[in-house]
Amino acid sequence: MSPKCCPAPPPIDPAADPDETLARLAKALAHPARVKILRFLLEREDCMAGGIVQELPLAQSTVSQHLKVLREAGLIYGEVDGTRICYCADRERIEQLGALLTGLTTLSYA
């Protein structure tokens, strides 16, 4: 279920290469500020715009750049609401990330 103001997230492509998908998602989480943003969004039932900046000791432009990276990876999505964008975490994509990481630990080597 999507939070109140966010539309449904874009679908996950089942044909995408799992290794490429894992690398893309991991790269998006390769900065502590992006991890903090994702945690913040996962804790909320409503999507957030300006509140994200108040949670981090970073400039608005820096937060915007981190949001862009997370959005391009598909970990978050947003909806334009007037002059702001309201962001939500894509829980399905995050579950996919967890499954891909689990797949790394269950590999069998011949």
C-alpha atoms as a PDB file:
ATOM      1  CA  MET A   1       0.000   0.000   0.000  1.00  0.00           C
ATOM      2  CA  SER A   2       1.351   3.422  -0.973  1.00  0.00           C
ATOM      3  CA  PRO A   3       1.367   6.282   1.525  1.00  0.00           C
ATOM      4  CA  LYS A   4      -1.421   8.828   1.122  1.00  0.00           C
ATOM      5  CA  CYS A   5       0.013  11.285  -1.343  1.00  0.00           C
ATOM      6  CA  CYS A   6       2.246   9.062  -3.448  1.00  0.00           C
ATOM      7  CA  PRO A   7       1.110   7.267  -6.575  1.00  0.00           C
ATOM      8  CA  ALA A   8       1.883   3.588  -7.010  1.00  0.00           C
ATOM      9  CA  PRO A   9       5.602   3.012  -7.626  1.00  0.00           C
ATOM     10  CA  PRO A  10       6.795   2.017 -11.072  1.00  0.00           C
ATOM     11  CA  PRO A  11       6.816  -1.752 -11.630  1.00  0.00           C
ATOM     12  CA  ILE A  12       9.958  -3.806 -11.180  1.00  0.00           C
ATOM     13  CA  ASP A  13      11.229  -5.324 -14.411  1.00  0.00           C
ATOM     14  CA  PRO A  14      11.365  -9.097 -13.827  1.00  0.00           C
ATOM     15  CA  ALA A  15      13.662  -9.512 -16.845  1.00  0.00           C
ATOM     16  CA  ALA A  16      16.364  -7.213 -15.445  1.00  0.00           C
ATOM     17  CA  ASP A  17      19.729  -8.840 -14.756  1.00  0.00           C
ATOM     18  CA  PRO A  18      19.868  -9.470 -10.974  1.00  0.00           C
ATOM     19  CA  ASP A  19      23.577  -8.634 -10.712  1.00  0.00           C
ATOM     20  CA  GLU A  20      23.132  -5.323 -12.527  1.00  0.00           C
ATOM     21  CA  THR A  21      20.098  -4.521 -10.394  1.00  0.00           C
ATOM     22  CA  LEU A  22      21.972  -5.304  -7.167  1.00  0.00           C
ATOM     23  CA  ALA A  23      24.955  -3.205  -8.236  1.00  0.00           C
ATOM     24  CA  ARG A  24      22.714  -0.236  -9.139  1.00  0.00           C
ATOM     25  CA  LEU A  25      20.809  -0.392  -5.852  1.00  0.00           C
ATOM     26  CA  ALA A  26      23.971  -0.852  -3.786  1.00  0.00           C
ATOM     27  CA  LYS A  27      25.617   2.094  -5.520  1.00  0.00           C
ATOM     28  CA  ALA A  28      22.623   4.270  -4.647  1.00  0.00           C
ATOM     29  CA  LEU A  29      23.025   3.329  -0.977  1.00  0.00           C
ATOM     30  CA  ALA A  30      26.780   3.930  -0.964  1.00  0.00           C
ATOM     31  CA  HIS A  31      26.492   7.212   0.948  1.00  0.00           C
ATOM     32  CA  PRO A  32      25.383   7.491   4.602  1.00  0.00           C
ATOM     33  CA  ALA A  33      23.119  10.466   3.836  1.00  0.00           C
ATOM     34  CA  ARG A  34      21.157   8.392   1.303  1.00  0.00           C
ATOM     35  CA  VAL A  35      20.774   5.578   3.835  1.00  0.00           C
ATOM     36  CA  LYS A  36      19.480   8.123   6.375  1.00  0.00           C
ATOM     37  CA  ILE A  37      17.027   9.549   3.824  1.00  0.00           C
ATOM     38  CA  LEU A  38      15.731   6.091   3.006  1.00  0.00           C
ATOM     39  CA  ARG A  39      15.337   5.217   6.709  1.00  0.00           C
ATOM     40  CA  PHE A  40      13.506   8.503   7.278  1.00  0.00           C
ATOM     41  CA  LEU A  41      11.083   7.812   4.430  1.00  0.00           C
ATOM     42  CA  LEU A  42      10.471   4.230   5.563  1.00  0.00           C
ATOM     43  CA  GLU A  43       9.492   5.460   9.035  1.00  0.00           C
ATOM     44  CA  ARG A  44       6.775   7.765   7.666  1.00  0.00           C
ATOM     45  CA  GLU A  45       3.256   6.931   6.595  1.00  0.00           C
ATOM     46  CA  ASP A  46       2.983  10.118   4.557  1.00  0.00           C
ATOM     47  CA  CYS A  47       5.380  11.093   1.854  1.00  0.00           C
ATOM     48  CA  MET A  48       7.795  13.874   2.644  1.00  0.00           C
ATOM     49  CA  ALA A  49       9.202  16.896   0.898  1.00  0.00           C
ATOM     50  CA  GLY A  50      10.666  19.677   3.041  1.00  0.00           C
ATOM     51  CA  GLY A  51      10.904  17.549   6.180  1.00  0.00           C
ATOM     52  CA  ILE A  52      13.823  15.606   4.772  1.00  0.00           C
ATOM     53  CA  VAL A  53      16.084  18.660   4.783  1.00  0.00           C
ATOM     54  CA  GLN A  54      15.316  19.354   8.448  1.00  0.00           C
ATOM     55  CA  GLU A  55      16.363  15.812   9.375  1.00  0.00           C
ATOM     56  CA  LEU A  56      19.861  16.081   7.920  1.00  0.00           C
ATOM     57  CA  PRO A  57      22.687  18.535   8.551  1.00  0.00           C
ATOM     58  CA  LEU A  58      23.004  19.147   4.804  1.00  0.00           C
ATOM     59  CA  ALA A  59      22.147  21.955   2.425  1.00  0.00           C
ATOM     60  CA  GLN A  60      18.927  21.745   0.421  1.00  0.00           C
ATOM     61  CA  SER A  61      20.889  21.318  -2.805  1.00  0.00           C
ATOM     62  CA  THR A  62      22.882  18.405  -1.348  1.00  0.00           C
ATOM     63  CA  VAL A  63      19.725  16.668  -0.139  1.00  0.00           C
ATOM     64  CA  SER A  64      18.173  17.201  -3.573  1.00  0.00           C
ATOM     65  CA  GLN A  65      21.170  15.516  -5.214  1.00  0.00           C
ATOM     66  CA  HIS A  66      20.912  12.533  -2.870  1.00  0.00           C
ATOM     67  CA  LEU A  67      17.167  12.280  -3.543  1.00  0.00           C
ATOM     68  CA  LYS A  68      17.902  12.272  -7.262  1.00  0.00           C
ATOM     69  CA  VAL A  69      20.300   9.325  -6.910  1.00  0.00           C
ATOM     70  CA  LEU A  70      17.778   7.356  -4.838  1.00  0.00           C
ATOM     71  CA  ARG A  71      14.992   8.155  -7.304  1.00  0.00           C
ATOM     72  CA  GLU A  72      17.050   7.130 -10.339  1.00  0.00           C
ATOM     73  CA  ALA A  73      17.820   3.793  -8.650  1.00  0.00           C
ATOM     74  CA  GLY A  74      14.117   3.254  -8.012  1.00  0.00           C
ATOM     75  CA  LEU A  75      14.455   3.158  -4.218  1.00  0.00           C
ATOM     76  CA  ILE A  76      12.174   6.171  -3.845  1.00  0.00           C
ATOM     77  CA  TYR A  77       9.563   7.789  -6.043  1.00  0.00           C
ATOM     78  CA  GLY A  78       7.672  11.005  -5.865  1.00  0.00           C
ATOM     79  CA  GLU A  79       4.745  13.075  -6.945  1.00  0.00           C
ATOM     80  CA  VAL A  80       4.802  16.744  -7.845  1.00  0.00           C
ATOM     81  CA  ASP A  81       2.591  18.689  -5.449  1.00  0.00           C
ATOM     82  CA  GLY A  82       2.552  22.312  -6.551  1.00  0.00           C
ATOM     83  CA  THR A  83       6.093  23.621  -6.229  1.00  0.00           C
ATOM     84  CA  ARG A  84       7.428  20.638  -4.278  1.00  0.00           C
ATOM     85  CA  ILE A  85       7.952  16.939  -4.817  1.00  0.00           C
ATOM     86  CA  CYS A  86       6.554  14.569  -2.232  1.00  0.00           C
ATOM     87  CA  TYR A  87       8.788  11.485  -1.798  1.00  0.00           C
ATOM     88  CA  CYS A  88       8.025   7.931  -0.661  1.00  0.00           C
ATOM     89  CA  ALA A  89      10.223   4.862  -0.237  1.00  0.00           C
ATOM     90  CA  ASP A  90       9.502   2.022  -2.648  1.00  0.00           C
ATOM     91  CA  ARG A  91       9.082  -0.847  -0.201  1.00  0.00           C
ATOM     92  CA  GLU A  92       8.812  -3.438  -2.965  1.00  0.00           C
ATOM     93  CA  ARG A  93      12.160  -2.343  -4.433  1.00  0.00           C
ATOM     94  CA  ILE A  94      13.737  -2.465  -0.966  1.00  0.00           C
ATOM     95  CA  GLU A  95      12.407  -6.002  -0.494  1.00  0.00           C
ATOM     96  CA  GLN A  96      13.922  -6.859  -3.875  1.00  0.00           C
ATOM     97  CA  LEU A  97      17.262  -5.472  -2.659  1.00  0.00           C
ATOM     98  CA  GLY A  98      17.041  -7.677   0.435  1.00  0.00           C
ATOM     99  CA  ALA A  99      16.323 -10.732  -1.685  1.00  0.00           C
ATOM    100  CA  LEU A 100      19.246  -9.957  -3.981  1.00  0.00           C
ATOM    101  CA  LEU A 101      21.584  -9.601  -0.991  1.00  0.00           C
ATOM    102  CA  THR A 102      20.290 -12.852   0.475  1.00  0.00           C
ATOM    103  CA  GLY A 103      20.986 -14.487  -2.873  1.00  0.00           C
ATOM    104  CA  LEU A 104      24.648 -13.558  -2.491  1.00  0.00           C
ATOM    105  CA  THR A 105      24.944 -15.448   0.782  1.00  0.00           C
ATOM    106  CA  THR A 106      23.230 -18.580  -0.532  1.00  0.00           C
ATOM    107  CA  LEU A 107      25.446 -19.090  -3.552  1.00  0.00           C
ATOM    108  CA  SER A 108      26.926 -22.540  -3.872  1.00  0.00           C
ATOM    109  CA  TYR A 109      30.401 -22.908  -5.274  1.00  0.00           C
ATOM    110  CA  ALA A 110      31.399 -26.011  -7.186  1.00  0.00           C
END
